C-alpha cells in the first residue's frame, strides 16, 4: 500500500503471476497504461524544456458492422512468411533462376485467401506505414526545426450500429515552437492525404471532414499521456455498463458483456477481439535519429510483460497466505479488500482479514500470523 502526496492511499496486489496482456487483461492493462502515461509525460516535459512543440494527430477510417476486426496472430505470421517468399521468387525470376511454379501458385492462392480476411486493424497498420515512409514523409519531418519523433497509440471500440472502430492517436514533436494551424495546414493535411490514399488501396476510406484531427498537445490537457491516464481508469472501471467511449463499448466492457450474459453474440465479439489483438503493440515509437525516448533520456522501453510483472514500491505490505488468496479469488472479493485498505488504511485491512478468518503477515514488523484459525 502507498500513501500518495495528497494523503490518499493506493493499494494493489503484488507477487502474482501476470500475463502481460495490454488488450485482454484488466489488471495488466491498467498497470501498463499507467507506465506508458508516465513515459509520455516525461517526453512532453523534455520537448517543452527544449523549446519545442507537440501536437496530437488522430487518424480514423470509415467502418460498418460488416468489417472484420483483423487477422489472428497466426494468420499475420503466415501472411508475412508468404509475402517474403513472394519477394524471394521475384528476385529469383529477375535473375533467371528456376522457380517451382506449382508451389508458387499454391502459395499465392493461400496468400490471397488470408488477405481476403484482413480487417480494420490490418489496414490501419498498412496505412500508417504509408504515412511515415517515402520522400514526402522525409520532407515533412524536416520542417519546423525538424521532427524530434512520434509516438503512436491504437484505440479500438465496438458499437451495435457501426461495428469495430479502430483508430490511432499520434504524438508529433518538433524542435521549434509553431502554431497548430500551420502544422495542420501543412504536415497534417499531407499525412492525412497519404493515409486516405493508402486506405483506398485496401478498399477502405476516410472522411475529409471527420477522418483526421490535429491540435496542439499540452501536458495534462488532452495529450497522449493524458489519454493513457484516462484509459487506465477506464480499464479498471470497464465493468460499468454506463461507461462509454466515443459512443462505443471498450474491450473491457465487451468482456463484461460476455461474462455477464454468456450470449452467443457477446462471446463471439470477445473471441474476435482476443484473436485479433493477440501479439499487437498498443504503443509504438519512432526509432533511429528520431527516437523520442532517447531524446527524453528514457532509455530502453520495457515490454508489456516486464511492466506487468513489476511490483509497485510500497510503504507497507501484507503477505497473504495461499489459502487466503484462494478464498479471495473464489469469492470474487479481491477488489473489496483493496477498497477497504485504500479507505481505512492498514488497520482496516487487517480487521477485514481477521473478520473473514484469513491469515496474513505484516511486512514492516516481521512475520507474524494474525489468522483466525486459517493455516498460514
Protein backbone atom coordinates (compact mmCIF):
# COMPACT_ATOMS: atom_id res chain seq x y z
CA UNK A 1 0.00 0.00 0.00
CA UNK A 2 1.22 3.51 -0.90
CA UNK A 3 0.37 6.83 0.73
CA UNK A 4 0.13 9.46 -2.01
CA UNK A 5 1.32 13.09 -1.66
CA UNK A 6 -2.28 14.26 -1.30
CA UNK A 7 -2.82 11.90 1.64
CA UNK A 8 -4.89 9.36 -0.26
CA UNK A 9 -3.90 5.70 -0.35
CA UNK A 10 -3.33 3.32 -3.26
CA UNK A 11 -3.48 -0.43 -2.75
CA UNK A 12 -2.51 -3.18 -5.17
CA UNK A 13 -1.58 -6.84 -5.23
CA UNK A 14 1.97 -7.97 -5.91
CA UNK A 15 3.86 -11.21 -6.26
CA UNK A 16 1.30 -12.66 -8.65
CA UNK A 17 1.83 -14.35 -11.98
CA UNK A 18 0.95 -11.90 -14.75
CA UNK A 19 0.02 -12.40 -18.38
CA UNK A 20 1.28 -9.03 -19.61
CA UNK A 21 -1.65 -8.56 -22.00
CA UNK A 22 -2.49 -4.93 -22.60
CA UNK A 23 -5.55 -5.95 -24.60
CA UNK A 24 -7.44 -8.65 -22.68
CA UNK A 25 -6.36 -8.45 -19.02
CA UNK A 26 -7.90 -5.63 -16.91
CA UNK A 27 -5.18 -5.87 -14.24
CA UNK A 28 -2.19 -5.84 -16.59
CA UNK A 29 -3.76 -3.29 -18.95
CA UNK A 30 -4.26 -0.70 -16.21
CA UNK A 31 -0.72 -1.16 -14.92
CA UNK A 32 0.82 -0.90 -18.38
CA UNK A 33 -1.26 2.16 -19.31
CA UNK A 34 -0.07 3.93 -16.15
CA UNK A 35 3.59 3.32 -17.07
CA UNK A 36 3.06 4.44 -20.66
CA UNK A 37 1.43 7.63 -19.40
CA UNK A 38 4.49 8.34 -17.22
CA UNK A 39 6.85 7.81 -20.16
CA UNK A 40 4.84 10.07 -22.44
CA UNK A 41 4.63 12.78 -19.79
CA UNK A 42 8.43 12.67 -19.50
CA UNK A 43 8.71 13.12 -23.27
CA UNK A 44 6.31 16.06 -23.21
CA UNK A 45 8.31 17.79 -20.49
CA UNK A 46 11.57 17.22 -22.39
CA UNK A 47 10.13 18.72 -25.58
CA UNK A 48 8.82 21.73 -23.68
CA UNK A 49 12.12 22.32 -21.89
CA UNK A 50 13.94 22.16 -25.24
CA UNK A 51 11.72 24.89 -26.65
CA UNK A 52 9.85 22.58 -28.99
CA UNK A 53 6.16 21.99 -29.63
CA UNK A 54 3.95 18.90 -29.65
CA UNK A 55 0.73 18.01 -31.44
CA UNK A 56 -1.86 15.28 -31.22
CA UNK A 57 -2.93 13.83 -34.56
CA UNK A 58 -5.91 11.47 -34.72
CA UNK A 59 -6.49 9.38 -37.86
CA UNK A 60 -9.64 7.33 -38.41
CA UNK A 61 -11.34 5.33 -41.15
CA UNK A 62 -14.90 4.67 -42.21
CA UNK A 63 -16.29 1.39 -40.90
CA UNK A 64 -19.52 -0.58 -40.53
CA UNK A 65 -20.73 -3.81 -38.96
CA UNK A 66 -19.64 -5.87 -41.95
CA UNK A 67 -15.96 -5.07 -41.44
CA UNK A 68 -13.78 -7.62 -39.68
CA UNK A 69 -11.54 -6.51 -36.83
CA UNK A 70 -8.33 -8.16 -38.02
CA UNK A 71 -6.33 -11.30 -38.65
CA UNK A 72 -5.25 -13.60 -35.86
CA UNK A 73 -1.62 -13.72 -34.82
CA UNK A 74 -1.13 -17.00 -36.67
CA UNK A 75 -2.62 -15.63 -39.88
CA UNK A 76 -0.49 -12.48 -39.68
CA UNK A 77 2.64 -14.57 -39.24
CA UNK A 78 1.74 -16.79 -42.16
CA UNK A 79 0.86 -13.78 -44.35
CA UNK A 80 4.27 -12.25 -43.65
CA UNK A 81 6.00 -15.52 -44.47
CA UNK A 82 4.17 -15.83 -47.77
CA UNK A 83 4.92 -12.22 -48.70
CA UNK A 84 8.60 -12.80 -48.01
CA UNK A 85 8.53 -15.93 -50.19
CA UNK A 86 6.84 -13.92 -52.95
CA UNK A 87 9.61 -11.32 -52.76
CA UNK A 88 12.23 -14.08 -52.94
CA UNK A 89 10.55 -15.52 -56.03
CA UNK A 90 10.54 -12.12 -57.70
CA UNK A 91 14.28 -11.82 -57.10
CA UNK A 92 14.80 -15.34 -58.44
CA UNK A 93 12.76 -14.65 -61.56
CA UNK A 94 14.60 -11.37 -62.17
CA UNK A 95 17.88 -13.29 -62.10
CA UNK A 96 16.60 -16.08 -64.33
CA UNK A 97 16.71 -18.72 -61.59
CA UNK A 98 14.39 -21.70 -61.50
CA UNK A 99 11.13 -21.29 -59.55
CA UNK A 100 8.73 -24.08 -58.57
CA UNK A 101 5.65 -22.77 -60.40
CA UNK A 102 3.24 -25.24 -58.79
CA UNK A 103 4.37 -24.34 -55.26
CA UNK A 104 4.31 -20.64 -56.15
CA UNK A 105 0.72 -20.88 -57.39
CA UNK A 106 -0.40 -22.68 -54.21
CA UNK A 107 1.26 -20.05 -52.03
CA UNK A 108 -0.35 -17.21 -54.00
CA UNK A 109 -3.78 -18.78 -53.53
CA UNK A 110 -3.14 -19.14 -49.79
CA UNK A 111 -1.89 -15.55 -49.54
CA UNK A 112 -4.95 -14.23 -51.38
CA UNK A 113 -7.18 -16.19 -49.02
CA UNK A 114 -5.53 -14.67 -45.95
CA UNK A 115 -5.62 -11.14 -47.35
CA UNK A 116 -9.32 -11.51 -48.08
CA UNK A 117 -9.86 -11.93 -44.33
CA UNK A 118 -7.95 -8.78 -43.35
CA UNK A 119 -9.84 -6.30 -41.22
CA UNK A 120 -9.70 -2.72 -39.98
CA UNK A 121 -6.68 -3.28 -37.75
CA UNK A 122 -4.60 -4.81 -40.52
CA UNK A 123 -5.42 -1.97 -42.91
CA UNK A 124 -4.64 0.58 -40.21
CA UNK A 125 -1.09 -0.76 -39.87
CA UNK A 126 -0.60 -0.66 -43.63
CA UNK A 127 -1.92 2.90 -43.88
CA UNK A 128 0.28 4.19 -41.05
CA UNK A 129 3.35 2.70 -42.73
CA UNK A 130 2.39 4.59 -45.89
CA UNK A 131 2.07 7.82 -43.91
CA UNK A 132 5.56 7.56 -42.38
CA UNK A 133 7.60 6.41 -45.38
CA UNK A 134 8.81 7.84 -48.66
CA UNK A 135 10.16 11.17 -49.83
CA UNK A 136 7.03 13.09 -48.81
CA UNK A 137 7.43 11.96 -45.20
CA UNK A 138 11.12 12.92 -45.17
CA UNK A 139 10.14 16.39 -46.39
CA UNK A 140 7.51 16.73 -43.66
CA UNK A 141 9.94 15.58 -40.98
CA UNK A 142 12.42 18.30 -41.91
CA UNK A 143 10.06 21.23 -41.33
CA UNK A 144 9.80 23.43 -38.23
CA UNK A 145 13.32 22.75 -36.99
CA UNK A 146 12.93 19.05 -37.66
CA UNK A 147 10.70 16.33 -36.30
CA UNK A 148 12.04 15.12 -32.95
CA UNK A 149 9.95 11.98 -33.23
CA UNK A 150 6.50 10.47 -32.84
CA UNK A 151 4.61 8.03 -30.66
CA UNK A 152 1.52 6.19 -31.90
CA UNK A 153 -1.25 4.59 -29.83
CA UNK A 154 -4.00 2.33 -31.17
CA UNK A 155 -7.53 2.54 -29.76
CA UNK A 156 -10.49 0.29 -30.57
CA UNK A 157 -14.15 0.29 -29.60
CA UNK A 158 -17.25 -1.53 -30.80
CA UNK A 159 -20.79 -0.29 -31.32
CA UNK A 160 -24.01 -2.05 -32.23
CA UNK A 161 -24.58 0.33 -35.13
CA UNK A 162 -21.12 0.65 -36.69
CA UNK A 163 -19.17 -2.39 -35.53
CA UNK A 164 -15.42 -2.10 -34.86
CA UNK A 165 -13.89 1.37 -34.72
CA UNK A 166 -10.09 1.18 -34.81
CA UNK A 167 -8.12 4.42 -34.98
CA UNK A 168 -4.80 5.92 -33.93
CA UNK A 169 -3.63 8.84 -31.81
CA UNK A 170 -0.18 10.16 -32.68
CA UNK A 171 2.05 12.49 -30.68
CA UNK A 172 4.19 14.56 -33.09
CA UNK A 173 7.05 16.51 -31.51
CA UNK A 174 9.00 19.28 -33.29
CA UNK A 175 12.15 21.15 -32.32
CA UNK A 176 10.63 24.63 -32.69
CA UNK A 177 7.52 26.44 -31.50
CA UNK A 178 4.89 26.56 -34.24
CA UNK A 179 1.13 27.04 -34.31
CA UNK A 180 -1.33 24.19 -34.64
CA UNK A 181 -2.94 25.93 -37.62
CA UNK A 182 0.31 25.93 -39.58
CA UNK A 183 1.10 22.31 -38.74
CA UNK A 184 -2.43 21.20 -39.64
CA UNK A 185 -2.39 23.05 -42.95
CA UNK A 186 0.96 21.61 -43.96
CA UNK A 187 2.13 18.38 -42.36
CA UNK A 188 -1.25 17.32 -41.03
CA UNK A 189 -3.03 17.69 -44.36
CA UNK A 190 -0.30 15.83 -46.22
CA UNK A 191 -0.22 13.00 -43.65
CA UNK A 192 -3.97 12.61 -43.95
CA UNK A 193 -3.68 12.57 -47.75
CA UNK A 194 -1.25 9.64 -47.61
CA UNK A 195 -3.45 7.95 -45.01
CA UNK A 196 -6.55 8.27 -47.19
CA UNK A 197 -4.86 7.05 -50.36
CA UNK A 198 -3.47 4.01 -48.53
CA UNK A 199 -6.93 3.15 -47.20
CA UNK A 200 -8.35 3.45 -50.72
CA UNK A 201 -5.81 0.91 -51.96
CA UNK A 202 -7.13 -1.60 -49.41
CA UNK A 203 -10.81 -0.98 -50.06
CA UNK A 204 -11.39 1.39 -47.12
CA UNK A 205 -11.87 5.14 -46.98
CA UNK A 206 -11.65 8.16 -44.69
CA UNK A 207 -13.82 11.25 -44.49
CA UNK A 208 -12.12 14.57 -45.27
CA UNK A 209 -14.36 16.25 -42.69
CA UNK A 210 -14.08 13.68 -39.91
CA UNK A 211 -11.17 11.41 -40.82
CA UNK A 212 -8.48 13.40 -39.05
CA UNK A 213 -7.87 15.98 -36.37
CA UNK A 214 -4.71 17.83 -35.33
CA UNK A 215 -4.31 20.12 -32.34
CA UNK A 216 -1.61 21.33 -30.02
CA UNK A 217 -0.82 18.93 -27.19
CA UNK A 218 -0.16 20.31 -23.73
CA UNK A 219 0.82 18.12 -20.81
CA UNK A 220 -2.24 17.03 -18.88
CA UNK A 221 -4.65 18.65 -21.30
CA UNK A 222 -5.61 16.13 -23.96
CA UNK A 223 -2.11 14.95 -24.86
CA UNK A 224 -1.20 11.31 -25.39
CA UNK A 225 -0.04 10.91 -21.78
CA UNK A 226 -3.43 12.19 -20.63
CA UNK A 227 -5.09 9.68 -22.95
CA UNK A 228 -3.22 6.79 -21.33
CA UNK A 229 -4.02 8.05 -17.84
CA UNK A 230 -7.72 8.18 -18.66
CA UNK A 231 -7.51 4.78 -20.32
CA UNK A 232 -6.04 3.27 -17.15
CA UNK A 233 -9.08 4.50 -15.25
CA UNK A 234 -11.47 3.26 -17.96
CA UNK A 235 -9.88 -0.17 -17.88
CA UNK A 236 -10.35 -0.54 -14.15
CA UNK A 237 -14.00 0.54 -14.45
CA UNK A 238 -14.68 -1.47 -17.60
CA UNK A 239 -17.41 -3.49 -15.88
CA UNK A 240 -19.65 -0.41 -15.60
CA UNK A 241 -22.30 -0.61 -18.29
CA UNK A 242 -22.84 3.16 -18.36
CA UNK A 243 -19.26 3.96 -19.32
CA UNK A 244 -18.96 4.92 -22.99
CA UNK A 245 -16.05 5.72 -25.27
CA UNK A 246 -16.85 7.72 -28.41
CA UNK A 247 -20.32 6.17 -28.46
CA UNK A 248 -18.95 2.62 -28.40
CA UNK A 249 -18.00 -0.04 -25.91
CA UNK A 250 -14.41 -0.53 -24.83
CA UNK A 251 -12.84 -4.00 -24.98
CA UNK A 252 -13.17 -4.38 -21.20
CA UNK A 253 -16.86 -3.55 -21.45
CA UNK A 254 -17.17 -6.23 -24.12
CA UNK A 255 -15.53 -8.63 -21.68
CA UNK A 256 -18.07 -7.64 -19.03
CA UNK A 257 -20.89 -8.24 -21.52
CA UNK A 258 -19.58 -11.71 -22.32
CA UNK A 259 -19.13 -12.65 -18.64
CA UNK A 260 -22.48 -11.22 -17.54
CA UNK A 261 -24.67 -12.60 -20.33
CA UNK A 262 -22.89 -15.53 -22.00
CA UNK A 263 -24.88 -14.57 -25.08
CA UNK A 264 -23.53 -16.07 -28.28
CA UNK A 265 -23.07 -12.66 -29.94
CA UNK A 266 -21.27 -11.20 -26.91
CA UNK A 267 -18.97 -14.21 -26.66
CA UNK A 268 -18.24 -14.08 -30.39
CA UNK A 269 -17.27 -10.41 -30.19
CA UNK A 270 -14.88 -11.07 -27.32
CA UNK A 271 -13.32 -14.06 -29.04
CA UNK A 272 -12.82 -11.96 -32.17
CA UNK A 273 -11.13 -9.31 -30.03
CA UNK A 274 -8.88 -11.85 -28.31
CA UNK A 275 -7.75 -13.38 -31.61
CA UNK A 276 -7.18 -10.12 -33.49
CA UNK A 277 -5.43 -8.23 -30.66
CA UNK A 278 -3.01 -11.04 -29.73
CA UNK A 279 0.58 -10.02 -30.39
CA UNK A 280 -0.14 -6.44 -31.48
CA UNK A 281 1.52 -3.44 -29.86
CA UNK A 282 -0.60 -0.73 -28.34
CA UNK A 283 2.08 1.97 -28.29
CA UNK A 284 4.93 2.34 -30.78
CA UNK A 285 7.72 4.91 -31.07
CA UNK A 286 9.75 6.34 -33.91
CA UNK A 287 13.28 4.99 -33.93
CA UNK A 288 16.73 5.86 -35.22
CA UNK A 289 17.69 9.54 -35.19
CA UNK A 290 14.08 10.46 -34.35
CA UNK A 291 13.90 8.33 -31.20
CA UNK A 292 11.80 10.29 -28.70
CA UNK A 293 12.72 8.01 -25.83
CA UNK A 294 16.41 8.72 -26.34
CA UNK A 295 15.69 12.43 -26.66
CA UNK A 296 13.89 12.39 -23.28
CA UNK A 297 16.52 10.20 -21.61
CA UNK A 298 14.12 7.30 -21.03
CA UNK A 299 16.39 4.54 -22.26
CA UNK A 300 15.18 1.11 -23.30
CA UNK A 301 11.44 0.63 -23.38
CA UNK A 302 10.18 -2.05 -21.03
CA UNK A 303 7.93 -4.64 -22.66
CA UNK A 304 4.31 -5.04 -21.61
CA UNK A 305 5.23 -8.31 -19.91
CA UNK A 306 8.07 -6.70 -17.94
CA UNK A 307 5.86 -3.86 -16.72
CA UNK A 308 3.06 -6.20 -15.69
CA UNK A 309 5.48 -8.39 -13.72
CA UNK A 310 6.86 -5.49 -11.67
CA UNK A 311 5.66 -5.00 -8.11
CA UNK A 312 4.99 -1.39 -7.16
CA UNK A 313 7.01 0.25 -4.43
CA UNK A 314 5.03 0.24 -1.19
CA UNK A 315 5.13 1.86 2.24
CA UNK A 316 3.85 -1.35 3.79
CA UNK A 317 2.97 -4.81 2.59
CA UNK A 318 0.69 -7.56 3.85
CA UNK A 319 1.63 -11.07 2.76
CA UNK A 320 -1.50 -13.19 2.31
CA UNK A 321 -1.44 -16.91 2.97
CA UNK A 322 -2.15 -19.08 -0.07
CA UNK A 323 -5.50 -20.18 1.39
CA UNK A 324 -6.45 -16.54 1.95
CA UNK A 325 -5.70 -15.58 -1.64
CA UNK A 326 -7.57 -18.62 -2.97
CA UNK A 327 -10.61 -17.62 -0.87
CA UNK A 328 -10.50 -14.07 -2.21
CA UNK A 329 -10.44 -15.29 -5.79
CA UNK A 330 -13.10 -17.94 -5.21
CA UNK A 331 -15.49 -15.42 -3.66
CA UNK A 332 -14.53 -12.57 -6.03
CA UNK A 333 -13.59 -10.31 -3.09
CA UNK A 334 -10.19 -9.15 -4.39
CA UNK A 335 -11.31 -5.60 -5.15
CA UNK A 336 -13.25 -5.37 -1.89
CA UNK A 337 -10.09 -5.83 0.17
CA UNK A 338 -8.27 -3.17 -1.89
CA UNK A 339 -11.14 -0.74 -1.37
CA UNK A 340 -11.07 -1.33 2.39
CA UNK A 341 -7.29 -0.78 2.51
CA UNK A 342 -7.46 2.46 0.49
CA UNK A 343 -10.33 3.84 2.57
CA UNK A 344 -9.22 2.83 6.06
CA UNK A 345 -5.54 2.03 5.84
CA UNK A 346 -3.58 -0.93 7.14
CA UNK A 347 -5.59 -1.44 10.31
CA UNK A 348 -8.86 -1.52 8.38
CA UNK A 349 -7.43 -4.14 6.03
CA UNK A 350 -6.21 -6.25 8.96
CA UNK A 351 -9.60 -6.01 10.64
CA UNK A 352 -11.33 -7.08 7.44
CA UNK A 353 -8.99 -10.06 7.03
CA UNK A 354 -9.46 -11.06 10.67
CA UNK A 355 -13.23 -10.85 10.39
CA UNK A 356 -13.17 -13.25 7.44
CA UNK A 357 -10.78 -15.64 9.15
CA UNK A 358 -7.91 -15.08 6.74
CA UNK A 359 -4.19 -15.39 7.52
CA UNK A 360 -1.50 -12.80 6.70
CA UNK A 361 1.87 -11.47 7.75
CA UNK A 362 2.70 -7.79 8.06
CA UNK A 363 5.82 -6.90 6.09
CA UNK A 364 7.06 -3.96 8.10
CA UNK A 365 7.15 -5.69 11.51
CA UNK A 366 8.40 -9.11 10.52
CA UNK A 367 6.47 -12.35 10.05
CA UNK A 368 3.58 -12.72 12.40
CA UNK A 369 0.47 -14.81 11.77
CA UNK A 370 -2.71 -12.90 12.53
CA UNK A 371 -5.01 -15.56 11.15
CA UNK A 372 -8.16 -16.75 12.89
CA UNK A 373 -7.90 -20.44 12.53
CA UNK A 374 -6.68 -20.47 8.92
CA UNK A 375 -3.30 -22.14 8.39
CA UNK A 376 -0.57 -19.82 7.02
